[in-house]
Amino acid sequence: MDYRYDFFVSFTEADAAWAEWIAEQAERVRGVDDSPSTVLFQKWDFVPGTNWVTMIDNGVQQAARIIPVLTERYLRHCPYGTAEWQAVWQNDPNGVDRRVLPVRVSKCDPTGLLGAIVYIDLADLSAAEATTTLADGLHAAVHGRRSRRGVPFPGPDHPLA
């Protein structure tokens, strides 16, 4: 299927700063065809005159991946967010296309169906570590494999040997 957007960010208003940072980082990810990513993000794209429900539906149906921004607030008090990722999940329940791509930004424990999906974990990381971890995780989801960066020789010259 051809998608209009590469990512749709799902969040609760209390976590809007995290969501916006993630959306900006996601736009830096290169697609399989090396094109820049497109992100549907509520604070940028839901402009006056648009229909909020229609835009959410566009995100769910027209984005290749949804990024739920995981916090305790999102997991416990965001029924719209739950509906968003569940609508995407139903078309990829085995995760083959990695359409639901959770990003955990604070200590919380996703349960149920969401708990079975491997998430990108940014909780308690520095800005530099979070930037690298998010970029690597988004790239891996888009391309289907983590990049390898100089795997160290495991023999006697190994730094931990």
C-alpha atoms as a PDB file:
ATOM      1  CA  MET A   1       0.000   0.000   0.000  1.00  0.00           C
ATOM      2  CA  ASP A   2       1.197   3.512  -0.734  1.00  0.00           C
ATOM      3  CA  TYR A   3       1.033   5.741   2.313  1.00  0.00           C
ATOM      4  CA  ARG A   4       0.839   9.525   2.246  1.00  0.00           C
ATOM      5  CA  TYR A   5       2.847   9.852   5.455  1.00  0.00           C
ATOM      6  CA  ASP A   6       5.682   7.835   6.910  1.00  0.00           C
ATOM      7  CA  PHE A   7       4.747   8.535  10.534  1.00  0.00           C
ATOM      8  CA  PHE A   8       1.775   9.685  12.593  1.00  0.00           C
ATOM      9  CA  VAL A   9       2.552  10.682  16.180  1.00  0.00           C
ATOM     10  CA  SER A  10      -0.035   9.747  18.828  1.00  0.00           C
ATOM     11  CA  PHE A  11       0.245  11.472  22.202  1.00  0.00           C
ATOM     12  CA  THR A  12      -1.557  13.043  25.097  1.00  0.00           C
ATOM     13  CA  GLU A  13      -1.416  16.833  25.424  1.00  0.00           C
ATOM     14  CA  ALA A  14       0.635  16.592  28.626  1.00  0.00           C
ATOM     15  CA  ASP A  15       3.405  14.967  26.568  1.00  0.00           C
ATOM     16  CA  ALA A  16       3.226  17.383  23.622  1.00  0.00           C
ATOM     17  CA  ALA A  17       6.833  18.558  24.006  1.00  0.00           C
ATOM     18  CA  TRP A  18       8.114  14.977  23.723  1.00  0.00           C
ATOM     19  CA  ALA A  19       5.784  14.303  20.809  1.00  0.00           C
ATOM     20  CA  GLU A  20       6.970  17.357  18.903  1.00  0.00           C
ATOM     21  CA  TRP A  21      10.624  16.475  19.457  1.00  0.00           C
ATOM     22  CA  ILE A  22       9.961  12.909  18.249  1.00  0.00           C
ATOM     23  CA  ALA A  23       8.090  14.215  15.187  1.00  0.00           C
ATOM     24  CA  GLU A  24      10.997  16.490  14.304  1.00  0.00           C
ATOM     25  CA  GLN A  25      13.484  13.649  14.695  1.00  0.00           C
ATOM     26  CA  ALA A  26      11.274  11.341  12.610  1.00  0.00           C
ATOM     27  CA  GLU A  27      11.375  13.801   9.715  1.00  0.00           C
ATOM     28  CA  ARG A  28      15.145  13.263   9.563  1.00  0.00           C
ATOM     29  CA  VAL A  29      14.820   9.523   8.920  1.00  0.00           C
ATOM     30  CA  ARG A  30      15.499   8.510   5.336  1.00  0.00           C
ATOM     31  CA  GLY A  31      13.021   6.144   3.715  1.00  0.00           C
ATOM     32  CA  VAL A  32      13.823   2.901   1.923  1.00  0.00           C
ATOM     33  CA  ASP A  33      14.054   4.929  -1.296  1.00  0.00           C
ATOM     34  CA  ASP A  34      16.327   7.458   0.499  1.00  0.00           C
ATOM     35  CA  SER A  35      13.634  10.135   0.464  1.00  0.00           C
ATOM     36  CA  PRO A  36      13.017  12.292   3.554  1.00  0.00           C
ATOM     37  CA  SER A  37      10.264  11.118   5.862  1.00  0.00           C
ATOM     38  CA  THR A  38       6.897  12.813   6.158  1.00  0.00           C
ATOM     39  CA  VAL A  39       5.182  13.129   9.523  1.00  0.00           C
ATOM     40  CA  LEU A  40       1.550  13.948  10.254  1.00  0.00           C
ATOM     41  CA  PHE A  41       1.658  15.838  13.523  1.00  0.00           C
ATOM     42  CA  GLN A  42      -1.327  17.447  15.190  1.00  0.00           C
ATOM     43  CA  LYS A  43       0.430  20.660  16.300  1.00  0.00           C
ATOM     44  CA  TRP A  44       1.780  21.287  12.793  1.00  0.00           C
ATOM     45  CA  ASP A  45      -0.906  19.920  10.489  1.00  0.00           C
ATOM     46  CA  PHE A  46      -4.256  20.362  12.230  1.00  0.00           C
ATOM     47  CA  VAL A  47      -4.654  23.971  11.155  1.00  0.00           C
ATOM     48  CA  PRO A  48      -7.769  26.141  11.519  1.00  0.00           C
ATOM     49  CA  GLY A  49     -10.559  24.901   9.309  1.00  0.00           C
ATOM     50  CA  THR A  50      -9.500  21.239   9.323  1.00  0.00           C
ATOM     51  CA  ASN A  51     -11.666  18.569  10.893  1.00  0.00           C
ATOM     52  CA  TRP A  52      -9.896  16.989  13.873  1.00  0.00           C
ATOM     53  CA  VAL A  53     -11.584  13.577  13.462  1.00  0.00           C
ATOM     54  CA  THR A  54     -10.820  13.486   9.740  1.00  0.00           C
ATOM     55  CA  MET A  55      -7.178  14.330  10.395  1.00  0.00           C
ATOM     56  CA  ILE A  56      -6.868  11.594  13.025  1.00  0.00           C
ATOM     57  CA  ASP A  57      -8.455   9.165  10.571  1.00  0.00           C
ATOM     58  CA  ASN A  58      -5.944  10.307   7.931  1.00  0.00           C
ATOM     59  CA  GLY A  59      -3.135   9.567  10.345  1.00  0.00           C
ATOM     60  CA  VAL A  60      -4.440   6.106  11.118  1.00  0.00           C
ATOM     61  CA  GLN A  61      -5.172   5.177   7.510  1.00  0.00           C
ATOM     62  CA  GLN A  62      -2.580   7.119   5.529  1.00  0.00           C
ATOM     63  CA  ALA A  63       0.564   6.763   7.651  1.00  0.00           C
ATOM     64  CA  ALA A  64       2.878   3.789   7.261  1.00  0.00           C
ATOM     65  CA  ARG A  65       3.592   3.832  11.001  1.00  0.00           C
ATOM     66  CA  ILE A  66       2.049   5.262  14.137  1.00  0.00           C
ATOM     67  CA  ILE A  67       4.298   6.362  16.977  1.00  0.00           C
ATOM     68  CA  PRO A  68       2.511   6.192  20.328  1.00  0.00           C
ATOM     69  CA  VAL A  69       4.446   8.347  22.818  1.00  0.00           C
ATOM     70  CA  LEU A  70       4.403   6.132  25.891  1.00  0.00           C
ATOM     71  CA  THR A  71       4.015   7.610  29.337  1.00  0.00           C
ATOM     72  CA  GLU A  72       1.846   6.577  32.258  1.00  0.00           C
ATOM     73  CA  ARG A  73      -0.607   9.348  31.226  1.00  0.00           C
ATOM     74  CA  TYR A  74      -0.876   7.999  27.693  1.00  0.00           C
ATOM     75  CA  LEU A  75      -1.364   4.421  28.850  1.00  0.00           C
ATOM     76  CA  ARG A  76      -3.956   5.208  31.535  1.00  0.00           C
ATOM     77  CA  HIS A  77      -5.767   8.360  30.406  1.00  0.00           C
ATOM     78  CA  CYS A  78      -5.676   8.624  26.622  1.00  0.00           C
ATOM     79  CA  PRO A  79      -8.548   6.649  25.089  1.00  0.00           C
ATOM     80  CA  TYR A  80      -8.117   8.379  21.717  1.00  0.00           C
ATOM     81  CA  GLY A  81      -4.473   7.342  21.586  1.00  0.00           C
ATOM     82  CA  THR A  82      -5.409   3.761  22.355  1.00  0.00           C
ATOM     83  CA  ALA A  83      -8.004   3.788  19.583  1.00  0.00           C
ATOM     84  CA  GLU A  84      -5.411   5.221  17.172  1.00  0.00           C
ATOM     85  CA  TRP A  85      -2.725   2.590  17.671  1.00  0.00           C
ATOM     86  CA  GLN A  86      -5.291  -0.234  17.860  1.00  0.00           C
ATOM     87  CA  ALA A  87      -6.745   0.800  14.481  1.00  0.00           C
ATOM     88  CA  VAL A  88      -3.276   0.542  12.943  1.00  0.00           C
ATOM     89  CA  TRP A  89      -2.385  -2.640  14.848  1.00  0.00           C
ATOM     90  CA  GLN A  90      -5.410  -4.517  13.468  1.00  0.00           C
ATOM     91  CA  ASN A  91      -3.836  -4.341   9.994  1.00  0.00           C
ATOM     92  CA  ASP A  92      -0.445  -5.594  11.225  1.00  0.00           C
ATOM     93  CA  PRO A  93      -1.082  -7.722  14.338  1.00  0.00           C
ATOM     94  CA  ASN A  94       2.081  -9.792  13.866  1.00  0.00           C
ATOM     95  CA  GLY A  95       4.263  -6.697  13.493  1.00  0.00           C
ATOM     96  CA  VAL A  96       5.614  -7.772  10.123  1.00  0.00           C
ATOM     97  CA  ASP A  97       5.414  -4.225   8.754  1.00  0.00           C
ATOM     98  CA  ARG A  98       6.277  -2.615  12.105  1.00  0.00           C
ATOM     99  CA  ARG A  99       3.304  -0.267  11.789  1.00  0.00           C
ATOM    100  CA  VAL A 100       2.931   0.387  15.539  1.00  0.00           C
ATOM    101  CA  LEU A 101       6.213   1.850  16.729  1.00  0.00           C
ATOM    102  CA  PRO A 102       5.957   2.857  20.409  1.00  0.00           C
ATOM    103  CA  VAL A 103       8.481   5.257  21.902  1.00  0.00           C
ATOM    104  CA  ARG A 104       8.716   5.158  25.703  1.00  0.00           C
ATOM    105  CA  VAL A 105       9.802   8.520  27.097  1.00  0.00           C
ATOM    106  CA  SER A 106       9.262   7.878  30.806  1.00  0.00           C
ATOM    107  CA  LYS A 107       9.147   4.849  33.071  1.00  0.00           C
ATOM    108  CA  CYS A 108       5.880   3.032  32.424  1.00  0.00           C
ATOM    109  CA  ASP A 109       4.842  -0.525  31.671  1.00  0.00           C
ATOM    110  CA  PRO A 110       2.710  -1.060  28.590  1.00  0.00           C
ATOM    111  CA  THR A 111       0.414  -4.053  29.072  1.00  0.00           C
ATOM    112  CA  GLY A 112      -1.993  -6.061  26.965  1.00  0.00           C
ATOM    113  CA  LEU A 113      -1.500  -5.955  23.202  1.00  0.00           C
ATOM    114  CA  LEU A 114       0.729  -2.889  23.392  1.00  0.00           C
ATOM    115  CA  GLY A 115       2.984  -4.635  25.894  1.00  0.00           C
ATOM    116  CA  ALA A 116       3.914  -7.249  23.288  1.00  0.00           C
ATOM    117  CA  ILE A 117       5.328  -4.673  20.876  1.00  0.00           C
ATOM    118  CA  VAL A 118       9.037  -3.855  21.134  1.00  0.00           C
ATOM    119  CA  TYR A 119       9.378  -0.151  21.876  1.00  0.00           C
ATOM    120  CA  ILE A 120      12.144   2.403  21.501  1.00  0.00           C
ATOM    121  CA  ASP A 121      13.162   3.247  25.049  1.00  0.00           C
ATOM    122  CA  LEU A 122      14.238   6.828  25.738  1.00  0.00           C
ATOM    123  CA  ALA A 123      13.404   6.834  29.452  1.00  0.00           C
ATOM    124  CA  ASP A 124      16.185   8.375  31.536  1.00  0.00           C
ATOM    125  CA  LEU A 125      18.551   8.932  28.584  1.00  0.00           C
ATOM    126  CA  SER A 126      20.543  12.104  28.011  1.00  0.00           C
ATOM    127  CA  ALA A 127      19.603  14.270  25.027  1.00  0.00           C
ATOM    128  CA  ALA A 128      22.479  12.868  22.971  1.00  0.00           C
ATOM    129  CA  GLU A 129      21.683   9.260  23.884  1.00  0.00           C
ATOM    130  CA  ALA A 130      17.962   9.770  23.208  1.00  0.00           C
ATOM    131  CA  THR A 131      18.649  11.340  19.813  1.00  0.00           C
ATOM    132  CA  THR A 132      20.864   8.444  18.752  1.00  0.00           C
ATOM    133  CA  THR A 133      18.561   5.777  20.199  1.00  0.00           C
ATOM    134  CA  LEU A 134      15.491   7.255  18.504  1.00  0.00           C
ATOM    135  CA  ALA A 135      17.240   7.685  15.149  1.00  0.00           C
ATOM    136  CA  ASP A 136      18.545   4.110  15.266  1.00  0.00           C
ATOM    137  CA  GLY A 137      15.149   2.707  16.279  1.00  0.00           C
ATOM    138  CA  LEU A 138      13.199   4.600  13.614  1.00  0.00           C
ATOM    139  CA  HIS A 139      15.747   3.622  10.959  1.00  0.00           C
ATOM    140  CA  ALA A 140      15.537  -0.024  12.030  1.00  0.00           C
ATOM    141  CA  ALA A 141      11.723   0.008  11.863  1.00  0.00           C
ATOM    142  CA  VAL A 142      11.697   1.569   8.395  1.00  0.00           C
ATOM    143  CA  HIS A 143      14.425  -0.674   6.983  1.00  0.00           C
ATOM    144  CA  GLY A 144      13.615  -3.861   8.893  1.00  0.00           C
ATOM    145  CA  ARG A 145      17.050  -4.264  10.426  1.00  0.00           C
ATOM    146  CA  ARG A 146      19.329  -2.450  12.828  1.00  0.00           C
ATOM    147  CA  SER A 147      22.465  -0.963  11.326  1.00  0.00           C
ATOM    148  CA  ARG A 148      25.737  -2.354  12.489  1.00  0.00           C
ATOM    149  CA  ARG A 149      28.443   0.076  13.528  1.00  0.00           C
ATOM    150  CA  GLY A 150      31.826  -1.528  13.833  1.00  0.00           C
ATOM    151  CA  VAL A 151      31.032  -4.696  15.725  1.00  0.00           C
ATOM    152  CA  PRO A 152      34.083  -5.204  17.968  1.00  0.00           C
ATOM    153  CA  PHE A 153      36.332  -8.192  17.470  1.00  0.00           C
ATOM    154  CA  PRO A 154      35.452 -10.687  20.230  1.00  0.00           C
ATOM    155  CA  GLY A 155      38.955 -12.198  20.442  1.00  0.00           C
ATOM    156  CA  PRO A 156      41.892 -11.428  22.714  1.00  0.00           C
ATOM    157  CA  ASP A 157      42.103  -7.796  21.517  1.00  0.00           C
ATOM    158  CA  HIS A 158      38.529  -7.169  22.672  1.00  0.00           C
ATOM    159  CA  PRO A 159      38.346  -4.240  25.128  1.00  0.00           C
ATOM    160  CA  LEU A 160      36.523  -6.425  27.686  1.00  0.00           C
ATOM    161  CA  ALA A 161      38.838  -9.429  27.322  1.00  0.00           C
END
